[in-house]
């Protein structure tokens, strides 16, 4: 069980980091295309217009959070299909491997 937990930890971390990196790159490119300038490096900087800081923080936080969540879900589904059970951290809420194949409603 400990080995499976370590595999899951590494697998889910890699999926989350990869998703966050790809999303950040896409957001930076989109921001430059939409505004004609680079996104704020630090939205907390008082030299950054407050509305620009709010827009960037909202957009980047939401998009990266969603990307990480979807990557973790995809990784959990792959793990469950490969091992026949959900990762140890996800089994705590009573789910089982059959839920990985069931359509969500």
Protein backbone atom coordinates (compact mmCIF):
# COMPACT_ATOMS: atom_id res chain seq x y z
CA UNK A 1 0.00 0.00 0.00
CA UNK A 2 2.82 2.42 0.82
CA UNK A 3 4.32 1.86 -2.63
CA UNK A 4 1.01 2.63 -4.30
CA UNK A 5 0.68 5.78 -2.24
CA UNK A 6 4.13 6.96 -3.31
CA UNK A 7 3.36 6.23 -6.96
CA UNK A 8 0.10 8.16 -6.69
CA UNK A 9 1.80 11.10 -4.97
CA UNK A 10 4.43 11.40 -7.69
CA UNK A 11 1.91 10.81 -10.49
CA UNK A 12 -0.62 13.35 -9.21
CA UNK A 13 2.08 15.93 -8.48
CA UNK A 14 3.50 15.61 -12.01
CA UNK A 15 0.02 15.94 -13.52
CA UNK A 16 -0.79 19.03 -11.44
CA UNK A 17 2.54 20.76 -12.11
CA UNK A 18 2.33 20.01 -15.84
CA UNK A 19 -1.24 21.29 -16.06
CA UNK A 20 -0.39 24.44 -14.12
CA UNK A 21 2.66 25.16 -16.29
CA UNK A 22 0.76 24.71 -19.55
CA UNK A 23 -2.14 26.82 -18.29
CA UNK A 24 0.18 29.61 -17.10
CA UNK A 25 1.89 29.71 -20.49
CA UNK A 26 -1.47 29.84 -22.28
CA UNK A 27 -2.73 32.57 -19.92
CA UNK A 28 0.39 34.69 -20.42
CA UNK A 29 0.05 34.46 -24.21
CA UNK A 30 -3.68 35.22 -24.09
CA UNK A 31 -3.17 38.17 -21.75
CA UNK A 32 -0.52 39.66 -24.08
CA UNK A 33 -2.81 39.18 -27.09
CA UNK A 34 -5.78 40.77 -25.33
CA UNK A 35 -4.05 43.68 -23.59
CA UNK A 36 -0.89 44.23 -25.59
CA UNK A 37 1.29 43.98 -22.49
CA UNK A 38 2.71 41.36 -20.16
CA UNK A 39 0.58 40.18 -17.26
CA UNK A 40 1.44 41.64 -13.85
CA UNK A 41 4.44 39.86 -12.33
CA UNK A 42 3.06 40.61 -8.87
CA UNK A 43 -0.56 41.76 -8.65
CA UNK A 44 0.09 42.99 -5.09
CA UNK A 45 2.51 45.65 -6.39
CA UNK A 46 0.92 49.10 -5.80
CA UNK A 47 2.23 50.25 -9.20
CA UNK A 48 -0.11 47.77 -10.92
CA UNK A 49 -3.59 49.17 -11.62
CA UNK A 50 -6.00 47.60 -9.14
CA UNK A 51 -8.44 46.41 -11.82
CA UNK A 52 -5.62 44.83 -13.82
CA UNK A 53 -4.39 43.11 -10.65
CA UNK A 54 -7.89 41.85 -9.81
CA UNK A 55 -8.50 40.63 -13.36
CA UNK A 56 -5.15 38.81 -13.52
CA UNK A 57 -5.48 37.27 -10.04
CA UNK A 58 -9.02 36.09 -10.76
CA UNK A 59 -8.25 34.74 -14.22
CA UNK A 60 -4.97 33.04 -13.37
CA UNK A 61 -6.10 31.65 -10.02
CA UNK A 62 -9.29 30.18 -11.43
CA UNK A 63 -7.74 28.78 -14.60
CA UNK A 64 -4.75 27.21 -12.85
CA UNK A 65 -6.93 25.79 -10.07
CA UNK A 66 -9.30 24.23 -12.60
CA UNK A 67 -6.45 22.84 -14.69
CA UNK A 68 -4.89 21.22 -11.61
CA UNK A 69 -8.24 19.75 -10.56
CA UNK A 70 -8.95 18.27 -14.01
CA UNK A 71 -5.40 16.89 -14.23
CA UNK A 72 -5.77 15.26 -10.81
CA UNK A 73 -9.12 13.74 -11.83
CA UNK A 74 -7.63 12.39 -15.05
CA UNK A 75 -4.65 10.99 -13.13
CA UNK A 76 -6.97 9.33 -10.59
CA UNK A 77 -9.02 7.74 -13.37
CA UNK A 78 -5.86 6.42 -15.04
CA UNK A 79 -4.54 5.13 -11.71
CA UNK A 80 -7.85 3.39 -10.95
CA UNK A 81 -7.97 1.75 -14.38
CA UNK A 82 -4.34 0.62 -14.03
CA UNK A 83 -4.57 -0.74 -10.47
CA UNK A 84 -8.23 -1.62 -10.07
CA UNK A 85 -8.73 0.81 -7.20
CA UNK A 86 -8.62 4.51 -6.50
CA UNK A 87 -5.50 6.06 -5.00
CA UNK A 88 -5.29 5.71 -1.20
CA UNK A 89 -6.05 9.38 -0.58
CA UNK A 90 -9.26 9.19 -2.62
CA UNK A 91 -10.57 5.96 -1.08
CA UNK A 92 -11.12 7.70 2.24
CA UNK A 93 -14.46 9.08 1.08
CA UNK A 94 -15.91 5.66 0.25
CA UNK A 95 -15.50 5.72 -3.51
CA UNK A 96 -14.43 2.62 -5.40
CA UNK A 97 -12.74 1.84 -8.71
CA UNK A 98 -16.05 1.29 -10.50
CA UNK A 99 -16.76 5.01 -10.10
CA UNK A 100 -13.79 5.77 -12.39
CA UNK A 101 -15.62 4.22 -15.34
CA UNK A 102 -19.10 5.51 -14.51
CA UNK A 103 -20.32 8.62 -16.33
CA UNK A 104 -20.74 11.65 -14.11
CA UNK A 105 -24.09 13.38 -13.80
